[in-house]
C-alpha atoms as a PDB file:
ATOM      1  CA  MET A   1       0.108   0.043   0.079  1.00  0.00           C
ATOM      2  CA  LYS A   2       2.895   2.649   0.585  1.00  0.00           C
ATOM      3  CA  ILE A   3       4.310   2.331  -2.716  1.00  0.00           C
ATOM      4  CA  LYS A   4       0.935   3.195  -4.355  1.00  0.00           C
ATOM      5  CA  HIS A   5       0.554   6.312  -1.910  1.00  0.00           C
ATOM      6  CA  ILE A   6       4.718   7.270  -3.596  1.00  0.00           C
ATOM      7  CA  ILE A   7       3.644   6.715  -6.494  1.00  0.00           C
ATOM      8  CA  ILE A   8       0.906   8.036  -6.221  1.00  0.00           C
ATOM      9  CA  LEU A   9       2.296  11.288  -4.887  1.00  0.00           C
ATOM     10  CA  PHE A  10       5.267  11.329  -6.889  1.00  0.00           C
ATOM     11  CA  LEU A  11       2.891  10.952  -9.552  1.00  0.00           C
ATOM     12  CA  SER A  12       0.617  14.158  -9.096  1.00  0.00           C
ATOM     13  CA  SER A  13       4.430  15.920  -7.989  1.00  0.00           C
ATOM     14  CA  ILE A  14       5.768  16.347 -11.275  1.00  0.00           C
ATOM     15  CA  PHE A  15       2.019  17.495 -12.723  1.00  0.00           C
ATOM     16  CA  PHE A  16       1.244  20.306 -10.489  1.00  0.00           C
ATOM     17  CA  VAL A  17       5.214  21.128 -11.183  1.00  0.00           C
ATOM     18  CA  GLY A  18       4.894  20.323 -14.749  1.00  0.00           C
ATOM     19  CA  CYS A  19       1.873  22.648 -14.584  1.00  0.00           C
ATOM     20  CA  PHE A  20       3.937  25.444 -12.790  1.00  0.00           C
ATOM     21  CA  ASN A  21       6.283  25.819 -15.341  1.00  0.00           C
ATOM     22  CA  GLU A  22       4.661  26.408 -17.985  1.00  0.00           C
ATOM     23  CA  PRO A  23       4.466  30.370 -19.448  1.00  0.00           C
ATOM     24  CA  VAL A  24       1.296  32.374 -19.068  1.00  0.00           C
ATOM     25  CA  PRO A  25      -0.087  32.405 -22.994  1.00  0.00           C
ATOM     26  CA  THR A  26       0.194  36.628 -24.137  1.00  0.00           C
ATOM     27  CA  PRO A  27      -1.358  38.146 -27.212  1.00  0.00           C
ATOM     28  CA  LYS A  28       0.702  38.907 -29.331  1.00  0.00           C
ATOM     29  CA  PRO A  29       2.004  42.985 -29.802  1.00  0.00           C
ATOM     30  CA  LYS A  30      -0.311  44.572 -33.513  1.00  0.00           C
ATOM     31  CA  THR A  31       3.143  44.226 -36.273  1.00  0.00           C
ATOM     32  CA  TYR A  32       2.915  45.285 -39.830  1.00  0.00           C
ATOM     33  CA  PHE A  33       5.048  43.957 -43.057  1.00  0.00           C
ATOM     34  CA  ARG A  34       8.685  45.522 -42.791  1.00  0.00           C
ATOM     35  CA  ILE A  35       9.428  48.133 -46.419  1.00  0.00           C
ATOM     36  CA  ASP A  36      12.464  48.371 -47.347  1.00  0.00           C
ATOM     37  CA  VAL A  37      12.371  51.958 -49.506  1.00  0.00           C
ATOM     38  CA  PRO A  38      15.572  52.080 -50.912  1.00  0.00           C
ATOM     39  CA  MET A  39      17.213  55.141 -52.320  1.00  0.00           C
ATOM     40  CA  PRO A  40      16.759  56.264 -55.686  1.00  0.00           C
ATOM     41  CA  LYS A  41      17.298  58.154 -58.599  1.00  0.00           C
ATOM     42  CA  TYR A  42      16.074  61.067 -59.947  1.00  0.00           C
ATOM     43  CA  LYS A  43      15.565  61.483 -63.857  1.00  0.00           C
ATOM     44  CA  THR A  44      14.342  64.728 -64.809  1.00  0.00           C
ATOM     45  CA  PHE A  45      10.609  65.876 -66.312  1.00  0.00           C
ATOM     46  CA  ASP A  46      10.574  68.887 -69.440  1.00  0.00           C
ATOM     47  CA  THR A  47       8.534  68.058 -71.831  1.00  0.00           C
ATOM     48  CA  LEU A  48       8.352  71.215 -74.890  1.00  0.00           C
ATOM     49  CA  SER A  49       4.717  70.658 -73.924  1.00  0.00           C
ATOM     50  CA  MET A  50       4.536  72.021 -70.601  1.00  0.00           C
ATOM     51  CA  PRO A  51       6.548  75.466 -69.000  1.00  0.00           C
ATOM     52  CA  PHE A  52       8.373  73.984 -66.037  1.00  0.00           C
ATOM     53  CA  SER A  53      10.812  70.938 -65.467  1.00  0.00           C
ATOM     54  CA  PHE A  54      11.242  69.001 -62.360  1.00  0.00           C
ATOM     55  CA  GLU A  55      13.577  66.440 -60.952  1.00  0.00           C
ATOM     56  CA  TYR A  56      11.261  62.943 -59.999  1.00  0.00           C
ATOM     57  CA  PRO A  57      12.124  58.629 -58.403  1.00  0.00           C
ATOM     58  CA  ASP A  58      12.707  56.578 -60.818  1.00  0.00           C
ATOM     59  CA  TYR A  59      10.766  54.326 -59.504  1.00  0.00           C
ATOM     60  CA  GLY A  60       7.645  57.480 -61.094  1.00  0.00           C
ATOM     61  CA  GLU A  61       6.554  56.666 -64.466  1.00  0.00           C
ATOM     62  CA  ILE A  62       4.593  60.206 -65.437  1.00  0.00           C
ATOM     63  CA  GLU A  63       0.999  58.736 -66.632  1.00  0.00           C
ATOM     64  CA  ARG A  64      -0.633  61.784 -69.375  1.00  0.00           C
ATOM     65  CA  THR A  65      -4.417  61.964 -67.990  1.00  0.00           C
ATOM     66  CA  LEU A  66      -6.789  61.287 -70.593  1.00  0.00           C
ATOM     67  CA  THR A  67     -10.143  63.267 -71.200  1.00  0.00           C
ATOM     68  CA  LYS A  68     -11.925  65.149 -74.173  1.00  0.00           C
ATOM     69  CA  ASN A  69      -9.880  68.053 -73.048  1.00  0.00           C
ATOM     70  CA  PRO A  70      -6.956  67.879 -75.997  1.00  0.00           C
ATOM     71  CA  ASN A  71      -5.737  70.789 -73.726  1.00  0.00           C
ATOM     72  CA  ASN A  72      -5.969  69.299 -70.966  1.00  0.00           C
ATOM     73  CA  ASN A  73      -2.326  70.049 -68.592  1.00  0.00           C
ATOM     74  CA  TRP A  74      -3.420  67.081 -65.866  1.00  0.00           C
ATOM     75  CA  PHE A  75      -0.704  63.702 -65.276  1.00  0.00           C
ATOM     76  CA  ASN A  76       0.020  61.929 -62.172  1.00  0.00           C
ATOM     77  CA  ILE A  77       3.051  60.341 -61.444  1.00  0.00           C
ATOM     78  CA  ASN A  78       2.419  57.251 -60.769  1.00  0.00           C
ATOM     79  CA  PHE A  79       4.516  55.211 -57.528  1.00  0.00           C
ATOM     80  CA  LYS A  80       3.405  51.376 -59.025  1.00  0.00           C
ATOM     81  CA  ASP A  81       5.977  49.701 -56.780  1.00  0.00           C
ATOM     82  CA  TYR A  82       3.666  51.029 -53.201  1.00  0.00           C
ATOM     83  CA  GLY A  83       0.542  51.448 -55.338  1.00  0.00           C
ATOM     84  CA  CYS A  84      -0.057  55.084 -54.887  1.00  0.00           C
ATOM     85  CA  LYS A  85       0.043  58.713 -57.246  1.00  0.00           C
ATOM     86  CA  LEU A  86       0.745  61.685 -57.399  1.00  0.00           C
ATOM     87  CA  TYR A  87      -1.904  63.185 -59.482  1.00  0.00           C
ATOM     88  CA  VAL A  88      -0.622  66.414 -60.923  1.00  0.00           C
ATOM     89  CA  THR A  89      -3.168  69.510 -61.900  1.00  0.00           C
ATOM     90  CA  PHE A  90      -1.604  72.340 -64.719  1.00  0.00           C
ATOM     91  CA  LEU A  91      -3.134  75.521 -65.177  1.00  0.00           C
ATOM     92  CA  PRO A  92      -2.945  78.538 -66.513  1.00  0.00           C
ATOM     93  CA  LEU A  93      -3.729  81.647 -65.028  1.00  0.00           C
ATOM     94  CA  SER A  94      -6.195  83.827 -67.338  1.00  0.00           C
ATOM     95  CA  LYS A  95      -8.853  86.061 -65.855  1.00  0.00           C
ATOM     96  CA  SER A  96     -11.607  83.347 -64.956  1.00  0.00           C
ATOM     97  CA  ILE A  97      -9.372  80.995 -63.908  1.00  0.00           C
ATOM     98  CA  ARG A  98      -7.641  83.288 -61.055  1.00  0.00           C
ATOM     99  CA  LEU A  99      -4.888  82.460 -58.487  1.00  0.00           C
ATOM    100  CA  ASP A 100      -6.623  83.290 -55.291  1.00  0.00           C
ATOM    101  CA  THR A 101      -8.861  80.801 -56.096  1.00  0.00           C
ATOM    102  CA  LEU A 102      -7.120  78.339 -56.971  1.00  0.00           C
ATOM    103  CA  VAL A 103      -4.753  78.221 -53.846  1.00  0.00           C
ATOM    104  CA  ASN A 104      -8.506  78.578 -52.264  1.00  0.00           C
ATOM    105  CA  ASP A 105      -9.435  76.145 -53.793  1.00  0.00           C
ATOM    106  CA  SER A 106      -5.924  73.836 -52.823  1.00  0.00           C
ATOM    107  CA  TYR A 107      -6.609  74.698 -49.065  1.00  0.00           C
ATOM    108  CA  ASN A 108     -10.351  73.638 -49.179  1.00  0.00           C
ATOM    109  CA  PHE A 109      -8.759  70.578 -50.627  1.00  0.00           C
ATOM    110  CA  THR A 110      -7.056  69.575 -47.550  1.00  0.00           C
ATOM    111  CA  THR A 111      -9.550  69.962 -45.157  1.00  0.00           C
ATOM    112  CA  GLU A 112     -11.657  67.479 -47.004  1.00  0.00           C
ATOM    113  CA  HIS A 113      -9.429  65.021 -44.508  1.00  0.00           C
ATOM    114  CA  ASN A 114      -9.953  67.121 -41.071  1.00  0.00           C
ATOM    115  CA  LYS A 115     -12.374  64.739 -39.556  1.00  0.00           C
ATOM    116  CA  PHE A 116      -9.205  61.389 -40.558  1.00  0.00           C
ATOM    117  CA  SER A 117      -6.717  63.847 -39.693  1.00  0.00           C
ATOM    118  CA  SER A 118      -5.177  64.868 -36.528  1.00  0.00           C
ATOM    119  CA  GLY A 119      -3.407  68.083 -38.007  1.00  0.00           C
ATOM    120  CA  VAL A 120      -2.531  69.263 -41.132  1.00  0.00           C
ATOM    121  CA  VAL A 121       1.770  70.863 -41.259  1.00  0.00           C
ATOM    122  CA  GLU A 122       1.922  73.321 -43.531  1.00  0.00           C
ATOM    123  CA  ARG A 123       5.492  74.611 -44.545  1.00  0.00           C
ATOM    124  CA  GLU A 124       5.616  77.261 -47.075  1.00  0.00           C
ATOM    125  CA  PHE A 125       7.579  77.509 -50.374  1.00  0.00           C
ATOM    126  CA  SER A 126       9.674  80.074 -51.696  1.00  0.00           C
ATOM    127  CA  ASN A 127      12.215  80.042 -55.180  1.00  0.00           C
ATOM    128  CA  THR A 128      12.908  83.998 -55.670  1.00  0.00           C
ATOM    129  CA  ASP A 129      15.813  83.551 -58.238  1.00  0.00           C
ATOM    130  CA  LEU A 130      12.996  80.896 -59.934  1.00  0.00           C
ATOM    131  CA  LYS A 131      10.142  82.851 -58.801  1.00  0.00           C
ATOM    132  CA  VAL A 132       8.073  79.228 -57.754  1.00  0.00           C
ATOM    133  CA  TYR A 133       6.248  80.499 -54.353  1.00  0.00           C
ATOM    134  CA  GLY A 134       4.147  77.660 -52.948  1.00  0.00           C
ATOM    135  CA  CYS A 135       2.547  75.543 -49.181  1.00  0.00           C
ATOM    136  CA  VAL A 136       3.908  71.783 -48.573  1.00  0.00           C
ATOM    137  CA  PHE A 137       0.705  70.058 -46.570  1.00  0.00           C
ATOM    138  CA  GLU A 138       1.642  67.498 -44.436  1.00  0.00           C
ATOM    139  CA  ILE A 139      -1.652  66.228 -43.169  1.00  0.00           C
ATOM    140  CA  LYS A 140      -1.151  64.041 -40.270  1.00  0.00           C
ATOM    141  CA  GLY A 141      -3.785  60.550 -38.972  1.00  0.00           C
ATOM    142  CA  SER A 142      -3.768  57.335 -39.439  1.00  0.00           C
ATOM    143  CA  GLN A 143      -6.916  56.835 -41.661  1.00  0.00           C
ATOM    144  CA  VAL A 144      -6.278  59.570 -44.204  1.00  0.00           C
ATOM    145  CA  ALA A 145      -6.412  59.118 -47.255  1.00  0.00           C
ATOM    146  CA  SER A 146      -3.758  61.891 -49.496  1.00  0.00           C
ATOM    147  CA  PRO A 147      -1.708  62.562 -47.257  1.00  0.00           C
ATOM    148  CA  TYR A 148       1.184  64.517 -49.250  1.00  0.00           C
ATOM    149  CA  GLN A 149      -0.506  67.911 -51.243  1.00  0.00           C
ATOM    150  CA  PHE A 150       1.103  71.136 -52.603  1.00  0.00           C
ATOM    151  CA  TYR A 151       0.480  73.575 -54.449  1.00  0.00           C
ATOM    152  CA  LEU A 152       3.349  75.614 -56.830  1.00  0.00           C
ATOM    153  CA  THR A 153       2.700  78.547 -58.947  1.00  0.00           C
ATOM    154  CA  ASP A 154       4.512  81.622 -60.458  1.00  0.00           C
ATOM    155  CA  SER A 155       2.509  84.240 -58.427  1.00  0.00           C
ATOM    156  CA  SER A 156       1.148  85.443 -62.341  1.00  0.00           C
ATOM    157  CA  ARG A 157       0.724  83.466 -65.277  1.00  0.00           C
ATOM    158  CA  TYR A 158       0.940  79.071 -64.003  1.00  0.00           C
ATOM    159  CA  PHE A 159      -0.613  77.367 -61.147  1.00  0.00           C
ATOM    160  CA  LEU A 160       0.751  73.650 -60.246  1.00  0.00           C
ATOM    161  CA  ARG A 161      -0.859  71.283 -57.602  1.00  0.00           C
ATOM    162  CA  GLY A 162      -0.678  68.237 -56.522  1.00  0.00           C
ATOM    163  CA  ALA A 163      -1.702  65.141 -53.933  1.00  0.00           C
ATOM    164  CA  LEU A 164      -0.742  62.337 -53.061  1.00  0.00           C
ATOM    165  CA  TYR A 165      -3.365  59.116 -52.655  1.00  0.00           C
ATOM    166  CA  PHE A 166      -2.830  55.290 -52.763  1.00  0.00           C
ATOM    167  CA  ASP A 167      -4.925  52.474 -54.638  1.00  0.00           C
ATOM    168  CA  PHE A 168      -6.386  51.335 -51.219  1.00  0.00           C
ATOM    169  CA  LYS A 169      -7.561  51.792 -48.055  1.00  0.00           C
ATOM    170  CA  PRO A 170      -5.187  54.379 -46.023  1.00  0.00           C
ATOM    171  CA  ASN A 171      -3.386  52.468 -42.602  1.00  0.00           C
ATOM    172  CA  ASN A 172      -0.439  55.244 -43.000  1.00  0.00           C
ATOM    173  CA  ASP A 173       0.695  53.840 -39.105  1.00  0.00           C
ATOM    174  CA  SER A 174       1.766  50.362 -41.704  1.00  0.00           C
ATOM    175  CA  LEU A 175       2.426  52.655 -44.295  1.00  0.00           C
ATOM    176  CA  SER A 176       5.485  54.960 -43.004  1.00  0.00           C
ATOM    177  CA  PRO A 177       8.384  54.112 -44.720  1.00  0.00           C
ATOM    178  CA  ILE A 178       6.527  54.954 -47.739  1.00  0.00           C
ATOM    179  CA  ILE A 179       4.767  58.160 -47.207  1.00  0.00           C
ATOM    180  CA  LYS A 180       8.162  59.520 -45.641  1.00  0.00           C
ATOM    181  CA  ARG A 181      10.402  57.756 -48.990  1.00  0.00           C
ATOM    182  CA  VAL A 182       7.401  60.064 -51.660  1.00  0.00           C
ATOM    183  CA  ALA A 183       7.327  62.614 -49.224  1.00  0.00           C
ATOM    184  CA  THR A 184      11.428  62.760 -49.506  1.00  0.00           C
ATOM    185  CA  ASP A 185      11.041  62.511 -53.082  1.00  0.00           C
ATOM    186  CA  ILE A 186       8.138  65.279 -53.548  1.00  0.00           C
ATOM    187  CA  ASP A 187      10.082  68.073 -51.159  1.00  0.00           C
ATOM    188  CA  ASN A 188      13.423  66.783 -54.138  1.00  0.00           C
ATOM    189  CA  MET A 189      10.405  67.381 -56.892  1.00  0.00           C
ATOM    190  CA  ILE A 190       8.871  71.507 -55.618  1.00  0.00           C
ATOM    191  CA  SER A 191      12.964  72.089 -55.009  1.00  0.00           C
ATOM    192  CA  THR A 192      14.079  71.241 -58.352  1.00  0.00           C
ATOM    193  CA  PHE A 193      11.440  72.945 -60.436  1.00  0.00           C
ATOM    194  CA  ASN A 194      12.132  75.270 -62.653  1.00  0.00           C
ATOM    195  CA  TRP A 195       9.047  77.942 -64.688  1.00  0.00           C
ATOM    196  CA  LYS A 196      10.930  78.400 -68.341  1.00  0.00           C
END
């Protein structure tokens, strides 16, 4: 009988010791895929049909926007490896297309993202030697559809506006490496922008 009690006591002690050594399960934290964004080389956009030039990254592809208007001067820079496009609108100023209206529209387009935004960082840009003036809008927030926008003008004849959009529902926390890379390259585009 003693052997039976010893065996039961031995097995019970193994069971209890085994239960206490097991790690407590904890949920894993939410993570995102690692996104590598290599340093680009820059190409020059310089076409006879447009009165300006600028540098853009080699991972971007220029696409003309097809519309019924033959005088359309809109184009996109497609960053297809990253699933986003920079939509660029170019307008010559006239009596019916006024600079103050276009600047106000740029601010209004930015405020459309306010319900998803946690704030907007606004930076003025000025290159008096090349007569390039404008503003850059960095729209913060994890669900913002267009995290980066800008406009440029010579203040008398031309106006150009750009807005970055992703091809899918945004989650800017996970897209932050891409947004930073593309934003840096848009800043380079702005700093190398030149009216002809």
